[in-house]
């Protein structure tokens, strides 16, 4: 019904590149660090939510989410270079330029 009136949400799952000189522990913590950096801004919320149109971007690390148990073997499959998967869900009414700048700043901070 929502799709018929044009409502869509976009959800992206991705792995950040591992830290060039990072330890295994640093890389294991990178995805959560990135989500935490994003969620310092009011445009982001640290949880899993899909299909909401409230101008927020939802950010999570599925391997650490409390939205359901993920088997250790599946967590291992999601990690690339020791870095866990990040999932961002974008509402269609976000301020694209502002969100883009926040993501860019957060990437720079995560790799500083």
C-alpha atoms as a PDB file:
ATOM      1  CA  UNK A   1       0.000   0.000   0.000  1.00  0.00           C
ATOM      2  CA  UNK A   2       2.788   2.457   0.920  1.00  0.00           C
ATOM      3  CA  UNK A   3       4.718   1.621  -2.258  1.00  0.00           C
ATOM      4  CA  UNK A   4       1.653   2.459  -4.334  1.00  0.00           C
ATOM      5  CA  UNK A   5       1.735   6.053  -3.048  1.00  0.00           C
ATOM      6  CA  UNK A   6       5.454   6.384  -3.739  1.00  0.00           C
ATOM      7  CA  UNK A   7       6.975   5.663  -0.332  1.00  0.00           C
ATOM      8  CA  UNK A   8      10.292   3.865  -0.517  1.00  0.00           C
ATOM      9  CA  UNK A   9      13.143   3.406   1.881  1.00  0.00           C
ATOM     10  CA  UNK A  10      16.718   2.672   1.047  1.00  0.00           C
ATOM     11  CA  UNK A  11      18.790   0.346   3.170  1.00  0.00           C
ATOM     12  CA  UNK A  12      22.458  -0.234   2.545  1.00  0.00           C
ATOM     13  CA  UNK A  13      24.717  -2.816   4.165  1.00  0.00           C
ATOM     14  CA  UNK A  14      28.449  -2.514   3.689  1.00  0.00           C
ATOM     15  CA  UNK A  15      31.846  -3.208   5.207  1.00  0.00           C
ATOM     16  CA  UNK A  16      34.254  -0.362   5.811  1.00  0.00           C
ATOM     17  CA  UNK A  17      37.834  -1.025   4.704  1.00  0.00           C
ATOM     18  CA  UNK A  18      40.024  -2.287   7.523  1.00  0.00           C
ATOM     19  CA  UNK A  19      42.314   0.233   9.180  1.00  0.00           C
ATOM     20  CA  UNK A  20      45.677   0.289   7.351  1.00  0.00           C
ATOM     21  CA  UNK A  21      47.735   0.056  10.544  1.00  0.00           C
ATOM     22  CA  UNK A  22      45.002  -1.124  12.881  1.00  0.00           C
ATOM     23  CA  UNK A  23      45.230  -4.064  15.205  1.00  0.00           C
ATOM     24  CA  UNK A  24      42.719  -6.890  15.043  1.00  0.00           C
ATOM     25  CA  UNK A  25      40.895  -5.286  17.986  1.00  0.00           C
ATOM     26  CA  UNK A  26      40.838  -1.874  16.241  1.00  0.00           C
ATOM     27  CA  UNK A  27      39.295  -3.434  13.127  1.00  0.00           C
ATOM     28  CA  UNK A  28      36.778  -5.428  15.166  1.00  0.00           C
ATOM     29  CA  UNK A  29      35.622  -2.182  16.818  1.00  0.00           C
ATOM     30  CA  UNK A  30      35.625  -0.037  13.657  1.00  0.00           C
ATOM     31  CA  UNK A  31      32.027  -0.607  12.543  1.00  0.00           C
ATOM     32  CA  UNK A  32      30.614   0.258  15.968  1.00  0.00           C
ATOM     33  CA  UNK A  33      32.918   3.276  16.233  1.00  0.00           C
ATOM     34  CA  UNK A  34      31.601   4.506  12.871  1.00  0.00           C
ATOM     35  CA  UNK A  35      27.965   4.039  13.945  1.00  0.00           C
ATOM     36  CA  UNK A  36      28.698   5.855  17.222  1.00  0.00           C
ATOM     37  CA  UNK A  37      30.275   8.757  15.312  1.00  0.00           C
ATOM     38  CA  UNK A  38      27.226   9.013  13.057  1.00  0.00           C
ATOM     39  CA  UNK A  39      24.794   8.857  15.959  1.00  0.00           C
ATOM     40  CA  UNK A  40      26.310  11.871  17.681  1.00  0.00           C
ATOM     41  CA  UNK A  41      24.147  13.800  15.203  1.00  0.00           C
ATOM     42  CA  UNK A  42      20.390  14.206  15.552  1.00  0.00           C
ATOM     43  CA  UNK A  43      19.868  13.033  11.966  1.00  0.00           C
ATOM     44  CA  UNK A  44      20.941   9.497  12.930  1.00  0.00           C
ATOM     45  CA  UNK A  45      19.480   6.970  15.346  1.00  0.00           C
ATOM     46  CA  UNK A  46      21.373   3.898  16.608  1.00  0.00           C
ATOM     47  CA  UNK A  47      18.953   1.068  15.953  1.00  0.00           C
ATOM     48  CA  UNK A  48      17.353  -1.110  13.323  1.00  0.00           C
ATOM     49  CA  UNK A  49      14.306   0.361  11.645  1.00  0.00           C
ATOM     50  CA  UNK A  50      13.125   0.093   8.094  1.00  0.00           C
ATOM     51  CA  UNK A  51      10.474   1.962   6.191  1.00  0.00           C
ATOM     52  CA  UNK A  52       9.935   4.884   8.553  1.00  0.00           C
ATOM     53  CA  UNK A  53       9.567   8.346   7.076  1.00  0.00           C
ATOM     54  CA  UNK A  54      10.683  10.556   9.955  1.00  0.00           C
ATOM     55  CA  UNK A  55      13.745  12.171   8.347  1.00  0.00           C
ATOM     56  CA  UNK A  56      16.150   9.965  10.324  1.00  0.00           C
ATOM     57  CA  UNK A  57      18.873   7.613   9.195  1.00  0.00           C
ATOM     58  CA  UNK A  58      18.947   4.420  11.252  1.00  0.00           C
ATOM     59  CA  UNK A  59      22.408   2.984  11.804  1.00  0.00           C
ATOM     60  CA  UNK A  60      23.397  -0.366  13.233  1.00  0.00           C
ATOM     61  CA  UNK A  61      25.982  -3.118  13.289  1.00  0.00           C
ATOM     62  CA  UNK A  62      23.828  -6.223  12.739  1.00  0.00           C
ATOM     63  CA  UNK A  63      26.334  -8.493  14.504  1.00  0.00           C
ATOM     64  CA  UNK A  64      25.818  -6.583  17.762  1.00  0.00           C
ATOM     65  CA  UNK A  65      22.134  -5.762  17.346  1.00  0.00           C
ATOM     66  CA  UNK A  66      19.679  -6.952  19.959  1.00  0.00           C
ATOM     67  CA  UNK A  67      17.025  -7.415  17.254  1.00  0.00           C
ATOM     68  CA  UNK A  68      17.736 -11.120  17.066  1.00  0.00           C
ATOM     69  CA  UNK A  69      20.486 -13.558  17.743  1.00  0.00           C
ATOM     70  CA  UNK A  70      23.070 -13.916  15.013  1.00  0.00           C
ATOM     71  CA  UNK A  71      25.128 -17.089  15.078  1.00  0.00           C
ATOM     72  CA  UNK A  72      28.874 -16.648  15.513  1.00  0.00           C
ATOM     73  CA  UNK A  73      29.502 -18.318  12.151  1.00  0.00           C
ATOM     74  CA  UNK A  74      27.199 -15.776  10.445  1.00  0.00           C
ATOM     75  CA  UNK A  75      28.950 -12.895  12.213  1.00  0.00           C
ATOM     76  CA  UNK A  76      32.245 -14.221  10.894  1.00  0.00           C
ATOM     77  CA  UNK A  77      30.819 -14.356   7.357  1.00  0.00           C
ATOM     78  CA  UNK A  78      29.675 -10.724   7.639  1.00  0.00           C
ATOM     79  CA  UNK A  79      33.112  -9.478   8.687  1.00  0.00           C
ATOM     80  CA  UNK A  80      35.501  -8.475   5.908  1.00  0.00           C
ATOM     81  CA  UNK A  81      39.104  -7.812   6.878  1.00  0.00           C
ATOM     82  CA  UNK A  82      38.026  -8.156  10.491  1.00  0.00           C
ATOM     83  CA  UNK A  83      35.480  -5.327  10.110  1.00  0.00           C
ATOM     84  CA  UNK A  84      31.819  -6.079  10.761  1.00  0.00           C
ATOM     85  CA  UNK A  85      28.983  -5.087   8.472  1.00  0.00           C
ATOM     86  CA  UNK A  86      27.321  -1.666   8.921  1.00  0.00           C
ATOM     87  CA  UNK A  87      23.688  -1.119   7.952  1.00  0.00           C
ATOM     88  CA  UNK A  88      22.156   2.286   7.251  1.00  0.00           C
ATOM     89  CA  UNK A  89      18.469   2.789   6.518  1.00  0.00           C
ATOM     90  CA  UNK A  90      17.603   6.134   4.921  1.00  0.00           C
ATOM     91  CA  UNK A  91      14.180   7.744   5.109  1.00  0.00           C
ATOM     92  CA  UNK A  92      13.118   9.386   1.837  1.00  0.00           C
ATOM     93  CA  UNK A  93      12.817  12.807   3.499  1.00  0.00           C
ATOM     94  CA  UNK A  94      16.343  13.147   4.912  1.00  0.00           C
ATOM     95  CA  UNK A  95      18.399  16.273   4.304  1.00  0.00           C
ATOM     96  CA  UNK A  96      20.697  14.593   1.779  1.00  0.00           C
ATOM     97  CA  UNK A  97      23.473  17.194   1.847  1.00  0.00           C
ATOM     98  CA  UNK A  98      23.597  17.295   5.633  1.00  0.00           C
ATOM     99  CA  UNK A  99      23.585  13.496   5.944  1.00  0.00           C
ATOM    100  CA  UNK A 100      26.256  13.183   3.246  1.00  0.00           C
ATOM    101  CA  UNK A 101      28.483  15.633   5.151  1.00  0.00           C
ATOM    102  CA  UNK A 102      27.948  13.790   8.452  1.00  0.00           C
ATOM    103  CA  UNK A 103      28.883  10.469   6.828  1.00  0.00           C
ATOM    104  CA  UNK A 104      31.979  11.996   5.252  1.00  0.00           C
ATOM    105  CA  UNK A 105      33.087  13.584   8.553  1.00  0.00           C
ATOM    106  CA  UNK A 106      32.480  10.311  10.378  1.00  0.00           C
ATOM    107  CA  UNK A 107      34.568   8.333   7.884  1.00  0.00           C
ATOM    108  CA  UNK A 108      37.412  10.830   8.261  1.00  0.00           C
ATOM    109  CA  UNK A 109      37.175  10.635  12.073  1.00  0.00           C
ATOM    110  CA  UNK A 110      37.014   6.825  12.099  1.00  0.00           C
ATOM    111  CA  UNK A 111      40.240   6.600  10.090  1.00  0.00           C
ATOM    112  CA  UNK A 112      42.106   9.466  11.817  1.00  0.00           C
END
